[in-house]
PDB file of N, CA and C in Angstrom:
ATOM      1  N   MET A   1       0.851  -1.170   0.000  1.00  0.00           N
ATOM      2  CA  MET A   1       0.000   0.000   0.000  1.00  0.00           C
ATOM      3  C   MET A   1       0.901   1.238   0.000  1.00  0.00           C
ATOM      4  N   ILE A   2       0.512   2.232  -0.754  1.00  0.00           N
ATOM      5  CA  ILE A   2       1.243   3.498  -0.837  1.00  0.00           C
ATOM      6  C   ILE A   2       0.395   4.575  -0.153  1.00  0.00           C
ATOM      7  N   VAL A   3       1.035   5.376   0.703  1.00  0.00           N
ATOM      8  CA  VAL A   3       0.331   6.409   1.467  1.00  0.00           C
ATOM      9  C   VAL A   3       1.019   7.755   1.261  1.00  0.00           C
ATOM     10  N   LYS A   4       0.213   8.799   1.014  1.00  0.00           N
ATOM     11  CA  LYS A   4       0.734  10.165   0.967  1.00  0.00           C
ATOM     12  C   LYS A   4       0.661  10.734   2.376  1.00  0.00           C
ATOM     13  N   VAL A   5       1.759  11.342   2.795  1.00  0.00           N
ATOM     14  CA  VAL A   5       1.876  11.814   4.168  1.00  0.00           C
ATOM     15  C   VAL A   5       2.454  13.224   4.177  1.00  0.00           C
ATOM     16  N   LYS A   6       1.987  14.036   5.117  1.00  0.00           N
ATOM     17  CA  LYS A   6       2.597  15.335   5.376  1.00  0.00           C
ATOM     18  C   LYS A   6       3.037  15.326   6.832  1.00  0.00           C
ATOM     19  N   VAL A   7       4.315  15.553   7.058  1.00  0.00           N
ATOM     20  CA  VAL A   7       4.866  15.527   8.414  1.00  0.00           C
ATOM     21  C   VAL A   7       5.025  16.958   8.915  1.00  0.00           C
ATOM     22  N   LEU A   8       4.489  17.219  10.094  1.00  0.00           N
ATOM     23  CA  LEU A   8       4.613  18.528  10.734  1.00  0.00           C
ATOM     24  C   LEU A   8       5.479  18.373  11.980  1.00  0.00           C
ATOM     25  N   PRO A   9       6.775  18.637  11.854  1.00  0.00           N
ATOM     26  CA  PRO A   9       7.676  18.477  13.001  1.00  0.00           C
ATOM     27  C   PRO A   9       7.500  19.588  14.029  1.00  0.00           C
ATOM     28  N   ASN A  10       8.036  19.324  15.236  1.00  0.00           N
ATOM     29  CA  ASN A  10       8.066  20.311  16.315  1.00  0.00           C
ATOM     30  C   ASN A  10       6.657  20.751  16.728  1.00  0.00           C
ATOM     31  N   SER A  11       5.706  19.824  16.737  1.00  0.00           N
ATOM     32  CA  SER A  11       4.330  20.123  17.149  1.00  0.00           C
ATOM     33  C   SER A  11       4.195  19.960  18.659  1.00  0.00           C
ATOM     34  N   SER A  12       3.157  20.555  19.210  1.00  0.00           N
ATOM     35  CA  SER A  12       2.949  20.440  20.653  1.00  0.00           C
ATOM     36  C   SER A  12       2.467  19.045  21.039  1.00  0.00           C
ATOM     37  N   LYS A  13       1.731  18.377  20.141  1.00  0.00           N
ATOM     38  CA  LYS A  13       1.249  17.019  20.378  1.00  0.00           C
ATOM     39  C   LYS A  13       1.616  16.158  19.180  1.00  0.00           C
ATOM     40  N   SER A  14       1.882  14.885  19.427  1.00  0.00           N
ATOM     41  CA  SER A  14       2.143  13.980  18.307  1.00  0.00           C
ATOM     42  C   SER A  14       0.880  13.180  18.028  1.00  0.00           C
ATOM     43  N   GLY A  15       0.665  12.877  16.746  1.00  0.00           N
ATOM     44  CA  GLY A  15      -0.513  12.115  16.371  1.00  0.00           C
ATOM     45  C   GLY A  15      -0.724  12.144  14.872  1.00  0.00           C
ATOM     46  N   ILE A  16      -1.796  11.471  14.437  1.00  0.00           N
ATOM     47  CA  ILE A  16      -2.111  11.371  13.016  1.00  0.00           C
ATOM     48  C   ILE A  16      -3.520  11.890  12.780  1.00  0.00           C
ATOM     49  N   GLU A  17      -3.672  12.730  11.749  1.00  0.00           N
ATOM     50  CA  GLU A  17      -4.976  13.246  11.340  1.00  0.00           C
ATOM     51  C   GLU A  17      -5.227  12.853   9.896  1.00  0.00           C
ATOM     52  N   HIS A  18      -6.484  12.606   9.551  1.00  0.00           N
ATOM     53  CA  HIS A  18      -6.866  12.303   8.170  1.00  0.00           C
ATOM     54  C   HIS A  18      -7.383  13.581   7.522  1.00  0.00           C
ATOM     55  N   ARG A  19      -6.781  13.962   6.397  1.00  0.00           N
ATOM     56  CA  ARG A  19      -7.253  15.113   5.627  1.00  0.00           C
ATOM     57  C   ARG A  19      -7.336  14.704   4.168  1.00  0.00           C
ATOM     58  N   SER A  20      -8.507  14.632   3.645  1.00  0.00           N
ATOM     59  CA  SER A  20      -8.808  14.215   2.263  1.00  0.00           C
ATOM     60  C   SER A  20      -7.964  13.015   1.857  1.00  0.00           C
ATOM     61  N   ASP A  21      -6.968  13.194   0.988  1.00  0.00           N
ATOM     62  CA  ASP A  21      -6.174  12.053   0.512  1.00  0.00           C
ATOM     63  C   ASP A  21      -4.788  11.992   1.149  1.00  0.00           C
ATOM     64  N   VAL A  22      -4.575  12.759   2.224  1.00  0.00           N
ATOM     65  CA  VAL A  22      -3.259  12.839   2.862  1.00  0.00           C
ATOM     66  C   VAL A  22      -3.400  12.569   4.361  1.00  0.00           C
ATOM     67  N   LEU A  23      -2.456  11.805   4.904  1.00  0.00           N
ATOM     68  CA  LEU A  23      -2.374  11.642   6.351  1.00  0.00           C
ATOM     69  C   LEU A  23      -1.421  12.708   6.880  1.00  0.00           C
ATOM     70  N   VAL A  24      -1.856  13.466   7.852  1.00  0.00           N
ATOM     71  CA  VAL A  24      -1.007  14.486   8.466  1.00  0.00           C
ATOM     72  C   VAL A  24      -0.475  13.910   9.767  1.00  0.00           C
ATOM     73  N   ILE A  25       0.863  13.818   9.847  1.00  0.00           N
ATOM     74  CA  ILE A  25       1.508  13.261  11.037  1.00  0.00           C
ATOM     75  C   ILE A  25       2.204  14.393  11.780  1.00  0.00           C
ATOM     76  N   LYS A  26       1.764  14.644  13.002  1.00  0.00           N
ATOM     77  CA  LYS A  26       2.388  15.661  13.845  1.00  0.00           C
ATOM     78  C   LYS A  26       3.386  14.973  14.758  1.00  0.00           C
ATOM     79  N   THR A  27       4.623  15.471  14.745  1.00  0.00           N
ATOM     80  CA  THR A  27       5.665  14.901  15.604  1.00  0.00           C
ATOM     81  C   THR A  27       6.185  15.961  16.556  1.00  0.00           C
ATOM     82  N   ARG A  28       6.619  15.515  17.714  1.00  0.00           N
ATOM     83  CA  ARG A  28       7.209  16.443  18.681  1.00  0.00           C
ATOM     84  C   ARG A  28       8.680  16.674  18.382  1.00  0.00           C
ATOM     85  N   SER A  29       9.281  15.775  17.614  1.00  0.00           N
ATOM     86  CA  SER A  29      10.705  15.877  17.285  1.00  0.00           C
ATOM     87  C   SER A  29      10.951  17.000  16.289  1.00  0.00           C
ATOM     88  N   LYS A  30      12.147  17.551  16.356  1.00  0.00           N
ATOM     89  CA  LYS A  30      12.544  18.564  15.388  1.00  0.00           C
ATOM     90  C   LYS A  30      12.995  17.900  14.093  1.00  0.00           C
ATOM     91  N   ALA A  31      12.948  18.660  13.020  1.00  0.00           N
ATOM     92  CA  ALA A  31      13.339  18.141  11.707  1.00  0.00           C
ATOM     93  C   ALA A  31      14.856  18.259  11.533  1.00  0.00           C
ATOM     94  N   GLU A  32      15.578  17.496  12.329  1.00  0.00           N
ATOM     95  CA  GLU A  32      17.034  17.500  12.211  1.00  0.00           C
ATOM     96  C   GLU A  32      17.545  16.082  12.431  1.00  0.00           C
ATOM     97  N   ALA A  33      18.483  15.687  11.618  1.00  0.00           N
ATOM     98  CA  ALA A  33      19.124  14.369  11.703  1.00  0.00           C
ATOM     99  C   ALA A  33      18.123  13.214  11.608  1.00  0.00           C
ATOM    100  N   GLY A  34      17.015  13.423  10.900  1.00  0.00           N
ATOM    101  CA  GLY A  34      16.050  12.356  10.680  1.00  0.00           C
ATOM    102  C   GLY A  34      15.177  12.014  11.873  1.00  0.00           C
ATOM    103  N   LYS A  35      15.213  12.828  12.916  1.00  0.00           N
ATOM    104  CA  LYS A  35      14.430  12.533  14.119  1.00  0.00           C
ATOM    105  C   LYS A  35      12.931  12.584  13.859  1.00  0.00           C
ATOM    106  N   ALA A  36      12.473  13.593  13.101  1.00  0.00           N
ATOM    107  CA  ALA A  36      11.041  13.706  12.809  1.00  0.00           C
ATOM    108  C   ALA A  36      10.591  12.556  11.913  1.00  0.00           C
ATOM    109  N   ASN A  37      11.423  12.158  10.958  1.00  0.00           N
ATOM    110  CA  ASN A  37      11.080  11.018  10.096  1.00  0.00           C
ATOM    111  C   ASN A  37      10.950   9.741  10.913  1.00  0.00           C
ATOM    112  N   ALA A  38      11.874   9.517  11.826  1.00  0.00           N
ATOM    113  CA  ALA A  38      11.841   8.313  12.654  1.00  0.00           C
ATOM    114  C   ALA A  38      10.577   8.279  13.509  1.00  0.00           C
ATOM    115  N   GLU A  39      10.227   9.402  14.124  1.00  0.00           N
ATOM    116  CA  GLU A  39       9.017   9.454  14.941  1.00  0.00           C
ATOM    117  C   GLU A  39       7.775   9.281  14.070  1.00  0.00           C
ATOM    118  N   ALA A  40       7.779   9.889  12.883  1.00  0.00           N
ATOM    119  CA  ALA A  40       6.638   9.744  11.966  1.00  0.00           C
ATOM    120  C   ALA A  40       6.445   8.285  11.561  1.00  0.00           C
ATOM    121  N   LEU A  41       7.532   7.590  11.278  1.00  0.00           N
ATOM    122  CA  LEU A  41       7.427   6.182  10.905  1.00  0.00           C
ATOM    123  C   LEU A  41       6.916   5.334  12.072  1.00  0.00           C
ATOM    124  N   GLU A  42       7.345   5.647  13.287  1.00  0.00           N
ATOM    125  CA  GLU A  42       6.856   4.920  14.461  1.00  0.00           C
ATOM    126  C   GLU A  42       5.353   5.130  14.655  1.00  0.00           C
ATOM    127  N   LEU A  43       4.895   6.373  14.499  1.00  0.00           N
ATOM    128  CA  LEU A  43       3.468   6.661  14.633  1.00  0.00           C
ATOM    129  C   LEU A  43       2.657   5.965  13.540  1.00  0.00           C
ATOM    130  N   LEU A  44       3.184   5.982  12.316  1.00  0.00           N
ATOM    131  CA  LEU A  44       2.501   5.348  11.194  1.00  0.00           C
ATOM    132  C   LEU A  44       2.441   3.830  11.380  1.00  0.00           C
ATOM    133  N   ALA A  45       3.522   3.242  11.871  1.00  0.00           N
ATOM    134  CA  ALA A  45       3.548   1.794  12.127  1.00  0.00           C
ATOM    135  C   ALA A  45       2.515   1.422  13.188  1.00  0.00           C
ATOM    136  N   ARG A  46       2.421   2.215  14.226  1.00  0.00           N
ATOM    137  CA  ARG A  46       1.445   1.963  15.279  1.00  0.00           C
ATOM    138  C   ARG A  46       0.017   2.112  14.735  1.00  0.00           C
ATOM    139  N   HIS A  47      -0.184   3.115  13.879  1.00  0.00           N
ATOM    140  CA  HIS A  47      -1.504   3.374  13.299  1.00  0.00           C
ATOM    141  C   HIS A  47      -1.981   2.204  12.435  1.00  0.00           C
ATOM    142  N   PHE A  48      -1.084   1.660  11.602  1.00  0.00           N
ATOM    143  CA  PHE A  48      -1.437   0.567  10.698  1.00  0.00           C
ATOM    144  C   PHE A  48      -1.146  -0.818  11.294  1.00  0.00           C
ATOM    145  N   LYS A  49      -0.638  -0.850  12.533  1.00  0.00           N
ATOM    146  CA  LYS A  49      -0.334  -2.108  13.231  1.00  0.00           C
ATOM    147  C   LYS A  49       0.629  -2.989  12.439  1.00  0.00           C
ATOM    148  N   VAL A  50       1.748  -2.369  12.009  1.00  0.00           N
ATOM    149  CA  VAL A  50       2.817  -3.086  11.320  1.00  0.00           C
ATOM    150  C   VAL A  50       4.140  -2.717  11.988  1.00  0.00           C
ATOM    151  N   LEU A  51       5.182  -3.464  11.660  1.00  0.00           N
ATOM    152  CA  LEU A  51       6.510  -3.141  12.171  1.00  0.00           C
ATOM    153  C   LEU A  51       7.082  -1.956  11.407  1.00  0.00           C
ATOM    154  N   VAL A  52       7.921  -1.175  12.072  1.00  0.00           N
ATOM    155  CA  VAL A  52       8.561  -0.039  11.424  1.00  0.00           C
ATOM    156  C   VAL A  52       9.402  -0.518  10.240  1.00  0.00           C
ATOM    157  N   SER A  53       9.952  -1.720  10.335  1.00  0.00           N
ATOM    158  CA  SER A  53      10.776  -2.258   9.256  1.00  0.00           C
ATOM    159  C   SER A  53       9.974  -2.516   7.976  1.00  0.00           C
ATOM    160  N   LYS A  54       8.651  -2.537   8.072  1.00  0.00           N
ATOM    161  CA  LYS A  54       7.791  -2.737   6.899  1.00  0.00           C
ATOM    162  C   LYS A  54       7.459  -1.426   6.197  1.00  0.00           C
ATOM    163  N   LEU A  55       7.940  -0.307   6.731  1.00  0.00           N
ATOM    164  CA  LEU A  55       7.690   1.002   6.144  1.00  0.00           C
ATOM    165  C   LEU A  55       8.935   1.496   5.416  1.00  0.00           C
ATOM    166  N   LYS A  56       8.718   2.163   4.284  1.00  0.00           N
ATOM    167  CA  LYS A  56       9.839   2.714   3.527  1.00  0.00           C
ATOM    168  C   LYS A  56       9.415   4.043   2.912  1.00  0.00           C
ATOM    169  N   ILE A  57      10.243   5.068   3.097  1.00  0.00           N
ATOM    170  CA  ILE A  57       9.984   6.366   2.480  1.00  0.00           C
ATOM    171  C   ILE A  57      10.452   6.285   1.034  1.00  0.00           C
ATOM    172  N   LEU A  58       9.505   6.353   0.102  1.00  0.00           N
ATOM    173  CA  LEU A  58       9.846   6.280  -1.317  1.00  0.00           C
ATOM    174  C   LEU A  58      10.291   7.632  -1.858  1.00  0.00           C
ATOM    175  N   LYS A  59       9.587   8.692  -1.458  1.00  0.00           N
ATOM    176  CA  LYS A  59       9.917  10.049  -1.914  1.00  0.00           C
ATOM    177  C   LYS A  59       9.753  11.016  -0.757  1.00  0.00           C
ATOM    178  N   GLY A  60      10.588  12.035  -0.721  1.00  0.00           N
ATOM    179  CA  GLY A  60      10.422  13.108   0.243  1.00  0.00           C
ATOM    180  C   GLY A  60      11.107  12.916   1.570  1.00  0.00           C
ATOM    181  N   SER A  61      12.213  12.199   1.600  1.00  0.00           N
ATOM    182  CA  SER A  61      12.879  11.969   2.889  1.00  0.00           C
ATOM    183  C   SER A  61      13.372  13.274   3.525  1.00  0.00           C
ATOM    184  N   ARG A  62      13.561  14.311   2.711  1.00  0.00           N
ATOM    185  CA  ARG A  62      14.007  15.599   3.237  1.00  0.00           C
ATOM    186  C   ARG A  62      12.938  16.685   3.063  1.00  0.00           C
ATOM    187  N   SER A  63      11.698  16.254   2.868  1.00  0.00           N
ATOM    188  CA  SER A  63      10.583  17.179   2.643  1.00  0.00           C
ATOM    189  C   SER A  63       9.470  16.881   3.639  1.00  0.00           C
ATOM    190  N   LYS A  64       8.566  17.836   3.823  1.00  0.00           N
ATOM    191  CA  LYS A  64       7.409  17.595   4.694  1.00  0.00           C
ATOM    192  C   LYS A  64       6.427  16.641   4.023  1.00  0.00           C
ATOM    193  N   ASN A  65       6.340  16.720   2.691  1.00  0.00           N
ATOM    194  CA  ASN A  65       5.439  15.848   1.941  1.00  0.00           C
ATOM    195  C   ASN A  65       6.178  14.592   1.531  1.00  0.00           C
ATOM    196  N   LYS A  66       5.618  13.452   1.887  1.00  0.00           N
ATOM    197  CA  LYS A  66       6.300  12.179   1.660  1.00  0.00           C
ATOM    198  C   LYS A  66       5.353  11.160   1.026  1.00  0.00           C
ATOM    199  N   ILE A  67       5.936  10.190   0.356  1.00  0.00           N
ATOM    200  CA  ILE A  67       5.199   9.026  -0.119  1.00  0.00           C
ATOM    201  C   ILE A  67       5.840   7.826   0.566  1.00  0.00           C
ATOM    202  N   ILE A  68       5.026   7.081   1.298  1.00  0.00           N
ATOM    203  CA  ILE A  68       5.536   5.969   2.098  1.00  0.00           C
ATOM    204  C   ILE A  68       4.881   4.667   1.652  1.00  0.00           C
ATOM    205  N   LYS A  69       5.708   3.658   1.509  1.00  0.00           N
ATOM    206  CA  LYS A  69       5.212   2.322   1.155  1.00  0.00           C
ATOM    207  C   LYS A  69       5.066   1.505   2.426  1.00  0.00           C
ATOM    208  N   ILE A  70       3.909   0.855   2.553  1.00  0.00           N
ATOM    209  CA  ILE A  70       3.642   0.014   3.720  1.00  0.00           C
ATOM    210  C   ILE A  70       3.506  -1.414   3.227  1.00  0.00           C
ATOM    211  N   GLY A  71       4.304  -2.301   3.765  1.00  0.00           N
ATOM    212  CA  GLY A  71       4.193  -3.711   3.407  1.00  0.00           C
ATOM    213  C   GLY A  71       5.495  -4.313   2.979  1.00  0.00           C
ATOM    214  N   GLU A  72       5.398  -5.447   2.292  1.00  0.00           N
ATOM    215  CA  GLU A  72       6.578  -6.226   1.894  1.00  0.00           C
ATOM    216  C   GLU A  72       7.432  -5.507   0.878  1.00  0.00           C
ATOM    217  N   GLY A  73       8.751  -5.797   0.968  1.00  0.00           N
ATOM    218  CA  GLY A  73       9.718  -5.339  -0.026  1.00  0.00           C
ATOM    219  C   GLY A  73       9.825  -3.908  -0.085  1.00  0.00           C
TER     220      GLY A  73
END
C-alpha cells in the first residue's frame, strides 16, 4: 500500500490526522538528523499495526510531503 503523508515536526502534540487524501503526522521531534522522520514512521507503524521495518519512504525523505510504502519489499 502506498500512502501520501505530510509531516509537521516540532508540534505540541504527536498524532495522526486524516485530511482528504493525505495523512497528516504531527511529531514532537525537530526536523534534524532524521528525528522527525523516525518518529513519523513509528506513529505510522502503530496506526497501521505493522513493524517499522515494513515502512519505507519512497519520496520526500528531506521534505514535509512524503510518499511511504507500507508492506513487503
